[in-house]
Amino acid sequence: MLATHSDVDAAIGLAERLRALVAELRIEGLEQTVTVSIGVAVWQPGDSCKTIISRADDAMYRAKHGGRNRVERAPQPAVLL
């Protein structure tokens, strides 16, 4: 998902609301609870679609490995001067 004109706090808030809504879903015939792990990355100068998606993907896998049903923020990349 792309959330334009959002700061990091708004993006994390959106991700948390989505995570909570998915966890509340009840699917007929499925006894298990469905959850999501979400990675949030903030665009930085010099980012390409590939780099920002890669950082969000890495954060998502940290959420999965950290216990699932979580939101993780991607670290800010180092700025080279």
PDB file of N, CA and C in Angstrom:
ATOM      1  N   MET A   1       0.841  -1.152   0.000  1.00  0.00           N
ATOM      2  CA  MET A   1       0.000   0.000   0.000  1.00  0.00           C
ATOM      3  C   MET A   1       0.894   1.224   0.000  1.00  0.00           C
ATOM      4  N   LEU A   2       0.509   2.225  -0.728  1.00  0.00           N
ATOM      5  CA  LEU A   2       1.241   3.480  -0.779  1.00  0.00           C
ATOM      6  C   LEU A   2       0.381   4.547  -0.128  1.00  0.00           C
ATOM      7  N   ALA A   3       0.890   5.183   0.921  1.00  0.00           N
ATOM      8  CA  ALA A   3       0.158   6.238   1.624  1.00  0.00           C
ATOM      9  C   ALA A   3       0.898   7.546   1.392  1.00  0.00           C
ATOM     10  N   THR A   4       0.458   8.286   0.388  1.00  0.00           N
ATOM     11  CA  THR A   4       1.127   9.544   0.060  1.00  0.00           C
ATOM     12  C   THR A   4       0.739  10.622   1.060  1.00  0.00           C
ATOM     13  N   HIS A   5       1.595  11.606   1.181  1.00  0.00           N
ATOM     14  CA  HIS A   5       1.363  12.757   2.063  1.00  0.00           C
ATOM     15  C   HIS A   5       1.149  12.332   3.512  1.00  0.00           C
ATOM     16  N   SER A   6       1.838  11.291   3.935  1.00  0.00           N
ATOM     17  CA  SER A   6       1.731  10.798   5.306  1.00  0.00           C
ATOM     18  C   SER A   6       3.111  10.817   5.940  1.00  0.00           C
ATOM     19  N   ASP A   7       3.160  11.229   7.197  1.00  0.00           N
ATOM     20  CA  ASP A   7       4.430  11.103   7.907  1.00  0.00           C
ATOM     21  C   ASP A   7       4.512   9.691   8.486  1.00  0.00           C
ATOM     22  N   VAL A   8       5.624   9.378   9.108  1.00  0.00           N
ATOM     23  CA  VAL A   8       5.837   8.010   9.587  1.00  0.00           C
ATOM     24  C   VAL A   8       4.805   7.622  10.641  1.00  0.00           C
ATOM     25  N   ASP A   9       4.429   8.555  11.505  1.00  0.00           N
ATOM     26  CA  ASP A   9       3.437   8.227  12.537  1.00  0.00           C
ATOM     27  C   ASP A   9       2.085   7.893  11.920  1.00  0.00           C
ATOM     28  N   ALA A  10       1.689   8.635  10.896  1.00  0.00           N
ATOM     29  CA  ALA A  10       0.420   8.343  10.217  1.00  0.00           C
ATOM     30  C   ALA A  10       0.486   7.000   9.500  1.00  0.00           C
ATOM     31  N   ALA A  11       1.623   6.702   8.881  1.00  0.00           N
ATOM     32  CA  ALA A  11       1.772   5.429   8.164  1.00  0.00           C
ATOM     33  C   ALA A  11       1.724   4.247   9.135  1.00  0.00           C
ATOM     34  N   ILE A  12       2.387   4.386  10.271  1.00  0.00           N
ATOM     35  CA  ILE A  12       2.363   3.309  11.266  1.00  0.00           C
ATOM     36  C   ILE A  12       0.957   3.171  11.844  1.00  0.00           C
ATOM     37  N   GLY A  13       0.279   4.290  12.085  1.00  0.00           N
ATOM     38  CA  GLY A  13      -1.099   4.241  12.576  1.00  0.00           C
ATOM     39  C   GLY A  13      -2.021   3.533  11.602  1.00  0.00           C
ATOM     40  N   LEU A  14      -1.874   3.822  10.310  1.00  0.00           N
ATOM     41  CA  LEU A  14      -2.672   3.153   9.284  1.00  0.00           C
ATOM     42  C   LEU A  14      -2.383   1.654   9.278  1.00  0.00           C
ATOM     43  N   ALA A  15      -1.117   1.298   9.338  1.00  0.00           N
ATOM     44  CA  ALA A  15      -0.740  -0.118   9.340  1.00  0.00           C
ATOM     45  C   ALA A  15      -1.312  -0.832  10.569  1.00  0.00           C
ATOM     46  N   GLU A  16      -1.267  -0.178  11.719  1.00  0.00           N
ATOM     47  CA  GLU A  16      -1.819  -0.784  12.941  1.00  0.00           C
ATOM     48  C   GLU A  16      -3.333  -0.975  12.836  1.00  0.00           C
ATOM     49  N   ARG A  17      -4.025   0.005  12.243  1.00  0.00           N
ATOM     50  CA  ARG A  17      -5.480  -0.140  12.069  1.00  0.00           C
ATOM     51  C   ARG A  17      -5.795  -1.289  11.120  1.00  0.00           C
ATOM     52  N   LEU A  18      -5.050  -1.411  10.035  1.00  0.00           N
ATOM     53  CA  LEU A  18      -5.252  -2.522   9.095  1.00  0.00           C
ATOM     54  C   LEU A  18      -4.986  -3.863   9.775  1.00  0.00           C
ATOM     55  N   ARG A  19      -3.904  -3.930  10.555  1.00  0.00           N
ATOM     56  CA  ARG A  19      -3.562  -5.158  11.262  1.00  0.00           C
ATOM     57  C   ARG A  19      -4.678  -5.564  12.218  1.00  0.00           C
ATOM     58  N   ALA A  20      -5.206  -4.604  12.961  1.00  0.00           N
ATOM     59  CA  ALA A  20      -6.281  -4.889  13.914  1.00  0.00           C
ATOM     60  C   ALA A  20      -7.561  -5.323  13.200  1.00  0.00           C
ATOM     61  N   LEU A  21      -7.893  -4.674  12.087  1.00  0.00           N
ATOM     62  CA  LEU A  21      -9.102  -5.046  11.344  1.00  0.00           C
ATOM     63  C   LEU A  21      -8.998  -6.462  10.795  1.00  0.00           C
ATOM     64  N   VAL A  22      -7.837  -6.822  10.273  1.00  0.00           N
ATOM     65  CA  VAL A  22      -7.663  -8.182   9.747  1.00  0.00           C
ATOM     66  C   VAL A  22      -7.797  -9.193  10.881  1.00  0.00           C
ATOM     67  N   ALA A  23      -7.227  -8.894  12.047  1.00  0.00           N
ATOM     68  CA  ALA A  23      -7.286  -9.824  13.180  1.00  0.00           C
ATOM     69  C   ALA A  23      -8.721 -10.041  13.666  1.00  0.00           C
ATOM     70  N   GLU A  24      -9.610  -9.066  13.411  1.00  0.00           N
ATOM     71  CA  GLU A  24     -11.008  -9.196  13.815  1.00  0.00           C
ATOM     72  C   GLU A  24     -11.845 -10.011  12.831  1.00  0.00           C
ATOM     73  N   LEU A  25     -11.322 -10.256  11.636  1.00  0.00           N
ATOM     74  CA  LEU A  25     -12.074 -10.996  10.621  1.00  0.00           C
ATOM     75  C   LEU A  25     -12.380 -12.414  11.083  1.00  0.00           C
ATOM     76  N   ARG A  26     -13.569 -12.851  10.809  1.00  0.00           N
ATOM     77  CA  ARG A  26     -13.954 -14.236  11.046  1.00  0.00           C
ATOM     78  C   ARG A  26     -14.409 -14.793   9.708  1.00  0.00           C
ATOM     79  N   ILE A  27     -13.744 -15.842   9.275  1.00  0.00           N
ATOM     80  CA  ILE A  27     -14.022 -16.427   7.967  1.00  0.00           C
ATOM     81  C   ILE A  27     -14.743 -17.748   8.171  1.00  0.00           C
ATOM     82  N   GLU A  28     -15.907 -17.846   7.559  1.00  0.00           N
ATOM     83  CA  GLU A  28     -16.721 -19.053   7.703  1.00  0.00           C
ATOM     84  C   GLU A  28     -15.936 -20.271   7.247  1.00  0.00           C
ATOM     85  N   GLY A  29     -15.927 -21.300   8.073  1.00  0.00           N
ATOM     86  CA  GLY A  29     -15.234 -22.539   7.751  1.00  0.00           C
ATOM     87  C   GLY A  29     -13.769 -22.545   8.154  1.00  0.00           C
ATOM     88  N   LEU A  30     -13.273 -21.427   8.630  1.00  0.00           N
ATOM     89  CA  LEU A  30     -11.870 -21.346   9.054  1.00  0.00           C
ATOM     90  C   LEU A  30     -11.846 -21.066  10.550  1.00  0.00           C
ATOM     91  N   GLU A  31     -11.336 -22.018  11.302  1.00  0.00           N
ATOM     92  CA  GLU A  31     -11.304 -21.864  12.754  1.00  0.00           C
ATOM     93  C   GLU A  31     -10.156 -20.982  13.222  1.00  0.00           C
ATOM     94  N   GLN A  32      -9.098 -20.910  12.434  1.00  0.00           N
ATOM     95  CA  GLN A  32      -7.933 -20.132  12.820  1.00  0.00           C
ATOM     96  C   GLN A  32      -8.178 -18.636  12.626  1.00  0.00           C
ATOM     97  N   THR A  33      -7.518 -17.847  13.448  1.00  0.00           N
ATOM     98  CA  THR A  33      -7.544 -16.394  13.280  1.00  0.00           C
ATOM     99  C   THR A  33      -6.565 -16.015  12.178  1.00  0.00           C
ATOM    100  N   VAL A  34      -6.960 -15.090  11.336  1.00  0.00           N
ATOM    101  CA  VAL A  34      -6.092 -14.588  10.274  1.00  0.00           C
ATOM    102  C   VAL A  34      -5.416 -13.324  10.791  1.00  0.00           C
ATOM    103  N   THR A  35      -4.096 -13.251  10.625  1.00  0.00           N
ATOM    104  CA  THR A  35      -3.352 -12.063  11.034  1.00  0.00           C
ATOM    105  C   THR A  35      -2.423 -11.639   9.909  1.00  0.00           C
ATOM    106  N   VAL A  36      -1.873 -10.435  10.046  1.00  0.00           N
ATOM    107  CA  VAL A  36      -0.918  -9.935   9.054  1.00  0.00           C
ATOM    108  C   VAL A  36       0.300  -9.362   9.766  1.00  0.00           C
ATOM    109  N   SER A  37       1.405  -9.424   9.085  1.00  0.00           N
ATOM    110  CA  SER A  37       2.629  -8.752   9.506  1.00  0.00           C
ATOM    111  C   SER A  37       2.893  -7.678   8.463  1.00  0.00           C
ATOM    112  N   ILE A  38       3.148  -6.459   8.924  1.00  0.00           N
ATOM    113  CA  ILE A  38       3.269  -5.326   8.007  1.00  0.00           C
ATOM    114  C   ILE A  38       4.601  -4.618   8.239  1.00  0.00           C
ATOM    115  N   GLY A  39       5.274  -4.298   7.149  1.00  0.00           N
ATOM    116  CA  GLY A  39       6.496  -3.498   7.202  1.00  0.00           C
ATOM    117  C   GLY A  39       6.218  -2.117   6.651  1.00  0.00           C
ATOM    118  N   VAL A  40       6.658  -1.091   7.357  1.00  0.00           N
ATOM    119  CA  VAL A  40       6.461   0.302   6.953  1.00  0.00           C
ATOM    120  C   VAL A  40       7.808   0.913   6.622  1.00  0.00           C
ATOM    121  N   ALA A  41       7.923   1.496   5.451  1.00  0.00           N
ATOM    122  CA  ALA A  41       9.144   2.202   5.047  1.00  0.00           C
ATOM    123  C   ALA A  41       8.751   3.599   4.586  1.00  0.00           C
ATOM    124  N   VAL A  42       9.569   4.569   4.942  1.00  0.00           N
ATOM    125  CA  VAL A  42       9.330   5.958   4.573  1.00  0.00           C
ATOM    126  C   VAL A  42      10.262   6.324   3.432  1.00  0.00           C
ATOM    127  N   TRP A  43       9.697   6.971   2.415  1.00  0.00           N
ATOM    128  CA  TRP A  43      10.500   7.379   1.263  1.00  0.00           C
ATOM    129  C   TRP A  43      11.597   8.330   1.702  1.00  0.00           C
ATOM    130  N   GLN A  44      12.786   8.113   1.158  1.00  0.00           N
ATOM    131  CA  GLN A  44      13.939   8.972   1.404  1.00  0.00           C
ATOM    132  C   GLN A  44      14.472   9.473   0.075  1.00  0.00           C
ATOM    133  N   PRO A  45      15.078  10.662   0.047  1.00  0.00           N
ATOM    134  CA  PRO A  45      15.677  11.142  -1.202  1.00  0.00           C
ATOM    135  C   PRO A  45      16.625  10.083  -1.769  1.00  0.00           C
ATOM    136  N   GLY A  46      16.517   9.853  -3.041  1.00  0.00           N
ATOM    137  CA  GLY A  46      17.348   8.851  -3.712  1.00  0.00           C
ATOM    138  C   GLY A  46      16.709   7.480  -3.786  1.00  0.00           C
ATOM    139  N   ASP A  47      15.571   7.296  -3.103  1.00  0.00           N
ATOM    140  CA  ASP A  47      14.885   6.007  -3.171  1.00  0.00           C
ATOM    141  C   ASP A  47      14.332   5.750  -4.567  1.00  0.00           C
ATOM    142  N   SER A  48      14.328   4.498  -4.935  1.00  0.00           N
ATOM    143  CA  SER A  48      13.612   4.037  -6.122  1.00  0.00           C
ATOM    144  C   SER A  48      12.466   3.170  -5.622  1.00  0.00           C
ATOM    145  N   CYS A  49      11.577   2.786  -6.494  1.00  0.00           N
ATOM    146  CA  CYS A  49      10.515   1.862  -6.093  1.00  0.00           C
ATOM    147  C   CYS A  49      11.127   0.598  -5.504  1.00  0.00           C
ATOM    148  N   LYS A  50      12.188   0.132  -6.119  1.00  0.00           N
ATOM    149  CA  LYS A  50      12.827  -1.109  -5.675  1.00  0.00           C
ATOM    150  C   LYS A  50      13.402  -0.964  -4.269  1.00  0.00           C
ATOM    151  N   THR A  51      14.071   0.136  -3.954  1.00  0.00           N
ATOM    152  CA  THR A  51      14.713   0.269  -2.647  1.00  0.00           C
ATOM    153  C   THR A  51      13.691   0.443  -1.529  1.00  0.00           C
ATOM    154  N   ILE A  52      12.647   1.220  -1.755  1.00  0.00           N
ATOM    155  CA  ILE A  52      11.668   1.418  -0.687  1.00  0.00           C
ATOM    156  C   ILE A  52      10.859   0.146  -0.445  1.00  0.00           C
ATOM    157  N   ILE A  53      10.530  -0.574  -1.511  1.00  0.00           N
ATOM    158  CA  ILE A  53       9.807  -1.839  -1.349  1.00  0.00           C
ATOM    159  C   ILE A  53      10.703  -2.862  -0.651  1.00  0.00           C
ATOM    160  N   SER A  54      11.966  -2.867  -0.968  1.00  0.00           N
ATOM    161  CA  SER A  54      12.896  -3.784  -0.323  1.00  0.00           C
ATOM    162  C   SER A  54      12.985  -3.506   1.178  1.00  0.00           C
ATOM    163  N   ARG A  55      13.054  -2.221   1.567  1.00  0.00           N
ATOM    164  CA  ARG A  55      13.111  -1.890   2.998  1.00  0.00           C
ATOM    165  C   ARG A  55      11.817  -2.276   3.701  1.00  0.00           C
ATOM    166  N   ALA A  56      10.660  -2.043   3.057  1.00  0.00           N
ATOM    167  CA  ALA A  56       9.371  -2.430   3.655  1.00  0.00           C
ATOM    168  C   ALA A  56       9.291  -3.952   3.773  1.00  0.00           C
ATOM    169  N   ASP A  57       9.771  -4.656   2.777  1.00  0.00           N
ATOM    170  CA  ASP A  57       9.769  -6.121   2.791  1.00  0.00           C
ATOM    171  C   ASP A  57      10.647  -6.653   3.929  1.00  0.00           C
ATOM    172  N   ASP A  58      11.818  -6.066   4.094  1.00  0.00           N
ATOM    173  CA  ASP A  58      12.701  -6.478   5.192  1.00  0.00           C
ATOM    174  C   ASP A  58      12.015  -6.246   6.546  1.00  0.00           C
ATOM    175  N   ALA A  59      11.344  -5.110   6.695  1.00  0.00           N
ATOM    176  CA  ALA A  59      10.632  -4.810   7.945  1.00  0.00           C
ATOM    177  C   ALA A  59       9.493  -5.804   8.170  1.00  0.00           C
ATOM    178  N   MET A  60       8.800  -6.183   7.092  1.00  0.00           N
ATOM    179  CA  MET A  60       7.716  -7.162   7.215  1.00  0.00           C
ATOM    180  C   MET A  60       8.265  -8.507   7.722  1.00  0.00           C
ATOM    181  N   TYR A  61       9.398  -8.930   7.191  1.00  0.00           N
ATOM    182  CA  TYR A  61       9.976 -10.195   7.641  1.00  0.00           C
ATOM    183  C   TYR A  61      10.459 -10.106   9.081  1.00  0.00           C
ATOM    184  N   ARG A  62      10.932  -8.930   9.516  1.00  0.00           N
ATOM    185  CA  ARG A  62      11.269  -8.754  10.932  1.00  0.00           C
ATOM    186  C   ARG A  62      10.015  -8.897  11.788  1.00  0.00           C
ATOM    187  N   ALA A  63       8.885  -8.379  11.300  1.00  0.00           N
ATOM    188  CA  ALA A  63       7.618  -8.522  12.037  1.00  0.00           C
ATOM    189  C   ALA A  63       7.225  -9.997  12.126  1.00  0.00           C
ATOM    190  N   LYS A  64       7.374 -10.724  11.033  1.00  0.00           N
ATOM    191  CA  LYS A  64       7.044 -12.160  11.046  1.00  0.00           C
ATOM    192  C   LYS A  64       7.931 -12.915  12.024  1.00  0.00           C
ATOM    193  N   HIS A  65       9.220 -12.642  11.977  1.00  0.00           N
ATOM    194  CA  HIS A  65      10.169 -13.351  12.846  1.00  0.00           C
ATOM    195  C   HIS A  65      10.062 -12.879  14.293  1.00  0.00           C
ATOM    196  N   GLY A  66       9.495 -11.702  14.512  1.00  0.00           N
ATOM    197  CA  GLY A  66       9.357 -11.161  15.862  1.00  0.00           C
ATOM    198  C   GLY A  66       8.091 -11.599  16.570  1.00  0.00           C
ATOM    199  N   GLY A  67       7.306 -12.448  15.948  1.00  0.00           N
ATOM    200  CA  GLY A  67       6.110 -12.953  16.608  1.00  0.00           C
ATOM    201  C   GLY A  67       4.844 -12.851  15.785  1.00  0.00           C
ATOM    202  N   ARG A  68       4.920 -12.307  14.602  1.00  0.00           N
ATOM    203  CA  ARG A  68       3.764 -12.168  13.702  1.00  0.00           C
ATOM    204  C   ARG A  68       2.708 -11.229  14.275  1.00  0.00           C
ATOM    205  N   ASN A  69       1.738 -10.886  13.426  1.00  0.00           N
ATOM    206  CA  ASN A  69       0.649  -9.987  13.810  1.00  0.00           C
ATOM    207  C   ASN A  69       1.207  -8.699  14.419  1.00  0.00           C
ATOM    208  N   ARG A  70       2.178  -8.132  13.707  1.00  0.00           N
ATOM    209  CA  ARG A  70       2.865  -6.928  14.177  1.00  0.00           C
ATOM    210  C   ARG A  70       3.135  -5.977  13.028  1.00  0.00           C
ATOM    211  N   VAL A  71       3.464  -4.751  13.397  1.00  0.00           N
ATOM    212  CA  VAL A  71       3.929  -3.739  12.447  1.00  0.00           C
ATOM    213  C   VAL A  71       5.357  -3.402  12.829  1.00  0.00           C
ATOM    214  N   GLU A  72       6.244  -3.400  11.843  1.00  0.00           N
ATOM    215  CA  GLU A  72       7.640  -3.018  12.061  1.00  0.00           C
ATOM    216  C   GLU A  72       7.995  -1.889  11.110  1.00  0.00           C
ATOM    217  N   ARG A  73       8.749  -0.942  11.615  1.00  0.00           N
ATOM    218  CA  ARG A  73       9.215   0.177  10.800  1.00  0.00           C
ATOM    219  C   ARG A  73      10.611  -0.133  10.263  1.00  0.00           C
ATOM    220  N   ALA A  74      10.809   0.141   8.998  1.00  0.00           N
ATOM    221  CA  ALA A  74      12.139  -0.038   8.408  1.00  0.00           C
ATOM    222  C   ALA A  74      13.065   1.049   8.921  1.00  0.00           C
ATOM    223  N   PRO A  75      14.308   0.708   9.228  1.00  0.00           N
ATOM    224  CA  PRO A  75      15.252   1.749   9.656  1.00  0.00           C
ATOM    225  C   PRO A  75      15.501   2.734   8.517  1.00  0.00           C
ATOM    226  N   GLN A  76      15.804   3.942   8.910  1.00  0.00           N
ATOM    227  CA  GLN A  76      16.152   4.956   7.903  1.00  0.00           C
ATOM    228  C   GLN A  76      17.518   4.612   7.324  1.00  0.00           C
ATOM    229  N   PRO A  77      17.671   4.687   6.012  1.00  0.00           N
ATOM    230  CA  PRO A  77      18.981   4.401   5.427  1.00  0.00           C
ATOM    231  C   PRO A  77      19.983   5.497   5.806  1.00  0.00           C
ATOM    232  N   ALA A  78      21.240   5.133   5.862  1.00  0.00           N
ATOM    233  CA  ALA A  78      22.291   6.114   6.159  1.00  0.00           C
ATOM    234  C   ALA A  78      22.377   7.117   5.032  1.00  0.00           C
ATOM    235  N   VAL A  79      22.600   8.354   5.371  1.00  0.00           N
ATOM    236  CA  VAL A  79      22.754   9.419   4.377  1.00  0.00           C
ATOM    237  C   VAL A  79      24.242   9.635   4.161  1.00  0.00           C
ATOM    238  N   LEU A  80      24.655   9.504   2.927  1.00  0.00           N
ATOM    239  CA  LEU A  80      26.068   9.718   2.593  1.00  0.00           C
ATOM    240  C   LEU A  80      26.260  11.173   2.195  1.00  0.00           C
ATOM    241  N   LEU A  81      27.244  11.788   2.812  1.00  0.00           N
ATOM    242  CA  LEU A  81      27.546  13.204   2.499  1.00  0.00           C
ATOM    243  C   LEU A  81      28.782  13.313   1.661  1.00  0.00           C
TER     244      LEU A  81
END
